[in-house]
Amino acid sequence: MVRAGNPLKETIMSAIQQIPIKTIKGADASLGDYAGKVVLAVNVASKCGLTPQYEGLEKLYGEYKDKGLVVAGFPANDFGAQEPGGNDEIAAFCTTNFGVDFPMFEKIVVTGPEKHPLYAALTSARPKAQGDGDAFREKLKGYGMTPNPEPEVLWNFEKFVIAKDGSVAARFAPTTAPDDPALIATIEAELAK
């Protein structure tokens, strides 16, 4: 499939960039809308201990969007029912509490047999996350929870760096902060390509 990402340049979209998604307002979209940019896809939740990462994600987006970074938020209620609201409620929460300006998409399932095709493709492309996923798994077990085995998404705020060509360049554990040096280095390296 060929799509105009830039009026002066035609780009061929990767399989991941062709997967249909919807914006948080219900409009049809795909990551192909951001072909030629680096996308940081993050499954987000409003009632999670990691929810304050929204602030860091917005800051990261503000610092790098003019260089070609798009942060893409995908609300999911897969972990501890920490995203119970509907799309309108989620959008209002993100704007009111964190000033989120980066693109948000409709609530989806990111793990298990009902997982969205986008997350099936992302986890297949990068089955293991960088960062302290093992330590976080142990922490979850300490709370009496059974964490997902790899390649499934471990928890809210797991991060996938998608290169300009739509390939999955890296995957980071949920506890990797938006300002983590390894994440920043990966994003900067992909932006430089």
Protein backbone atom coordinates (compact mmCIF):
# COMPACT_ATOMS: atom_id res chain seq x y z
CA MET A 1 0.00 0.00 0.00
CA VAL A 2 1.35 3.42 -0.92
CA ARG A 3 0.30 6.47 1.01
CA ALA A 4 1.31 10.10 0.85
CA GLY A 5 3.02 10.92 4.13
CA ASN A 6 4.36 14.11 2.63
CA PRO A 7 2.98 15.80 -0.49
CA LEU A 8 6.45 15.74 -2.03
CA LYS A 9 7.28 12.16 -1.17
CA GLU A 10 5.45 8.83 -1.40
CA THR A 11 6.30 6.21 1.21
CA ILE A 12 5.58 2.51 1.38
CA MET A 13 3.99 1.65 4.70
CA SER A 14 5.07 -1.29 6.84
CA ALA A 15 2.55 -3.89 7.99
CA ILE A 16 2.42 -2.24 11.44
CA GLN A 17 1.71 1.14 9.87
CA GLN A 18 -1.24 -0.33 7.94
CA ILE A 19 -3.12 -1.74 10.96
CA PRO A 20 -6.39 0.17 11.42
CA ILE A 21 -6.78 2.05 14.70
CA LYS A 22 -9.15 4.78 15.85
CA THR A 23 -8.39 8.07 17.53
CA ILE A 24 -9.82 8.65 20.98
CA LYS A 25 -12.54 10.68 19.23
CA GLY A 26 -13.43 7.71 16.99
CA ALA A 27 -11.83 8.79 13.71
CA ASP A 28 -10.18 6.16 11.51
CA ALA A 29 -6.40 6.24 11.69
CA SER A 30 -3.24 4.16 11.42
CA LEU A 31 0.37 4.62 12.42
CA GLY A 32 0.93 5.16 8.70
CA ASP A 33 -0.40 8.66 9.37
CA TYR A 34 3.00 9.21 11.02
CA ALA A 35 5.16 7.51 8.36
CA GLY A 36 8.57 9.15 8.32
CA LYS A 37 8.36 9.95 12.05
CA VAL A 38 9.47 7.99 15.10
CA VAL A 39 6.48 6.80 17.16
CA LEU A 40 6.60 5.95 20.86
CA ALA A 41 3.54 3.73 21.41
CA VAL A 42 2.54 3.45 25.07
CA ASN A 43 -0.37 1.56 26.65
CA VAL A 44 -1.66 3.98 29.26
CA ALA A 45 -4.06 3.97 32.22
CA SER A 46 -5.57 6.67 34.43
CA LYS A 47 -5.63 4.88 37.80
CA CYS A 48 -2.20 3.22 37.87
CA GLY A 49 0.78 3.87 40.10
CA LEU A 50 2.64 4.69 36.88
CA THR A 51 0.01 7.22 35.69
CA PRO A 52 2.30 10.17 36.58
CA GLN A 53 4.36 9.07 33.56
CA TYR A 54 1.81 11.01 31.48
CA GLU A 55 3.62 14.17 32.59
CA GLY A 56 6.98 12.82 31.40
CA LEU A 57 5.50 11.55 28.15
CA GLU A 58 4.02 14.98 27.43
CA LYS A 59 7.35 16.64 28.23
CA LEU A 60 9.17 14.19 25.94
CA TYR A 61 6.66 14.89 23.16
CA GLY A 62 7.08 18.65 23.63
CA GLU A 63 10.87 18.39 23.45
CA TYR A 64 11.06 16.12 20.40
CA LYS A 65 7.91 16.59 18.30
CA ASP A 66 9.53 19.22 16.09
CA LYS A 67 12.36 16.74 15.45
CA GLY A 68 9.93 14.04 14.31
CA LEU A 69 8.74 12.19 17.43
CA VAL A 70 5.12 11.25 17.99
CA VAL A 71 4.00 9.85 21.34
CA ALA A 72 0.91 7.67 20.80
CA GLY A 73 -1.19 6.77 23.85
CA PHE A 74 -3.30 3.61 23.81
CA PRO A 75 -5.55 3.37 26.89
CA ALA A 76 -6.09 -0.19 28.08
CA ASN A 77 -7.97 -1.70 31.01
CA ASP A 78 -6.01 -4.96 31.00
CA PHE A 79 -4.13 -4.55 34.28
CA GLY A 80 -5.94 -4.23 37.59
CA ALA A 81 -8.94 -2.50 35.93
CA GLN A 82 -6.92 0.72 36.06
CA GLU A 83 -8.55 2.30 33.00
CA PRO A 84 -12.28 1.84 33.64
CA GLY A 85 -13.51 4.98 31.86
CA GLY A 86 -14.74 5.49 28.33
CA ASN A 87 -12.82 7.34 25.62
CA ASP A 88 -14.35 10.77 26.39
CA GLU A 89 -13.62 10.39 30.11
CA ILE A 90 -10.03 9.28 29.39
CA ALA A 91 -9.45 12.23 27.03
CA ALA A 92 -10.78 14.69 29.62
CA PHE A 93 -8.63 13.13 32.36
CA CYS A 94 -5.45 13.35 30.27
CA THR A 95 -6.05 16.95 29.21
CA THR A 96 -7.18 18.22 32.62
CA ASN A 97 -4.60 16.46 34.79
CA PHE A 98 -1.53 16.29 32.54
CA GLY A 99 -2.11 18.71 29.65
CA VAL A 100 -1.71 15.83 27.20
CA ASP A 101 -1.33 17.13 23.67
CA PHE A 102 0.15 14.00 22.09
CA PRO A 103 -2.18 11.78 20.03
CA MET A 104 -4.44 9.50 22.04
CA PHE A 105 -6.29 6.55 20.58
CA GLU A 106 -9.38 4.60 21.56
CA LYS A 107 -9.26 2.18 24.46
CA ILE A 108 -8.02 -1.23 23.30
CA VAL A 109 -6.96 -4.61 24.66
CA VAL A 110 -3.17 -5.06 24.68
CA THR A 111 -2.78 -8.59 26.05
CA GLY A 112 -4.40 -12.01 25.85
CA PRO A 113 -6.53 -13.62 23.16
CA GLU A 114 -8.53 -10.44 22.45
CA LYS A 115 -5.48 -8.19 22.00
CA HIS A 116 -5.65 -5.57 19.31
CA PRO A 117 -3.82 -6.48 16.08
CA LEU A 118 -1.43 -3.55 16.63
CA TYR A 119 -0.26 -4.97 19.95
CA ALA A 120 -0.09 -8.48 18.51
CA ALA A 121 2.29 -7.11 15.86
CA LEU A 122 4.33 -5.04 18.33
CA THR A 123 4.87 -7.89 20.80
CA SER A 124 5.66 -10.30 17.97
CA ALA A 125 8.26 -7.91 16.55
CA ARG A 126 9.88 -7.28 19.98
CA PRO A 127 9.09 -10.17 22.36
CA LYS A 128 11.33 -8.91 25.19
CA ALA A 129 11.41 -5.48 26.83
CA GLN A 130 14.55 -3.67 27.93
CA GLY A 131 14.66 -2.39 31.50
CA ASP A 132 13.75 -3.85 34.86
CA GLY A 133 10.85 -6.03 33.75
CA ASP A 134 12.01 -8.96 35.90
CA ALA A 135 12.14 -6.81 39.05
CA PHE A 136 8.66 -5.45 38.25
CA ARG A 137 7.36 -9.00 37.75
CA GLU A 138 8.67 -9.92 41.21
CA LYS A 139 7.01 -6.82 42.68
CA LEU A 140 3.67 -7.82 41.12
CA LYS A 141 4.04 -11.34 42.53
CA GLY A 142 4.61 -9.76 45.95
CA TYR A 143 1.16 -8.17 45.61
CA GLY A 144 -0.33 -11.60 44.88
CA MET A 145 -0.63 -10.97 41.14
CA THR A 146 0.39 -13.30 38.35
CA PRO A 147 2.31 -11.22 35.82
CA ASN A 148 2.11 -11.93 32.11
CA PRO A 149 4.96 -13.98 30.66
CA GLU A 150 6.91 -12.60 27.71
CA PRO A 151 6.13 -11.73 24.99
CA GLU A 152 2.89 -10.33 26.46
CA VAL A 153 2.78 -6.74 27.67
CA LEU A 154 3.68 -6.80 31.36
CA TRP A 155 1.72 -3.78 32.65
CA ASN A 156 0.53 -0.27 31.86
CA PHE A 157 3.07 2.16 30.37
CA GLU A 158 5.14 -0.36 28.43
CA LYS A 159 6.84 1.51 25.57
CA PHE A 160 7.52 0.55 21.95
CA VAL A 161 9.80 2.70 19.79
CA ILE A 162 8.65 2.43 16.18
CA ALA A 163 11.18 3.61 13.58
CA LYS A 164 10.39 5.94 10.70
CA ASP A 165 9.98 2.95 8.38
CA GLY A 166 7.47 1.28 10.72
CA SER A 167 9.81 -1.36 12.11
CA VAL A 168 9.90 -1.85 15.88
CA ALA A 169 13.27 -0.52 17.01
CA ALA A 170 12.97 -1.19 20.75
CA ARG A 171 10.67 -2.08 23.63
CA PHE A 172 10.96 -0.83 27.20
CA ALA A 173 9.51 -2.13 30.47
CA PRO A 174 6.66 -0.18 32.13
CA THR A 175 8.91 1.25 34.84
CA THR A 176 11.24 2.82 32.26
CA ALA A 177 10.59 6.52 32.81
CA PRO A 178 10.05 8.79 29.79
CA ASP A 179 13.32 10.56 30.61
CA ASP A 180 15.33 7.34 31.03
CA PRO A 181 18.71 7.73 29.27
CA ALA A 182 18.37 4.42 27.37
CA LEU A 183 14.94 5.39 26.02
CA ILE A 184 16.13 8.89 25.08
CA ALA A 185 19.25 7.47 23.37
CA THR A 186 17.09 5.05 21.35
CA ILE A 187 14.68 7.81 20.29
CA GLU A 188 17.52 10.17 19.34
CA ALA A 189 19.28 7.43 17.34
CA GLU A 190 16.06 6.66 15.42
CA LEU A 191 15.38 10.36 14.79
CA ALA A 192 18.90 10.72 13.36
CA LYS A 193 18.34 8.00 10.73
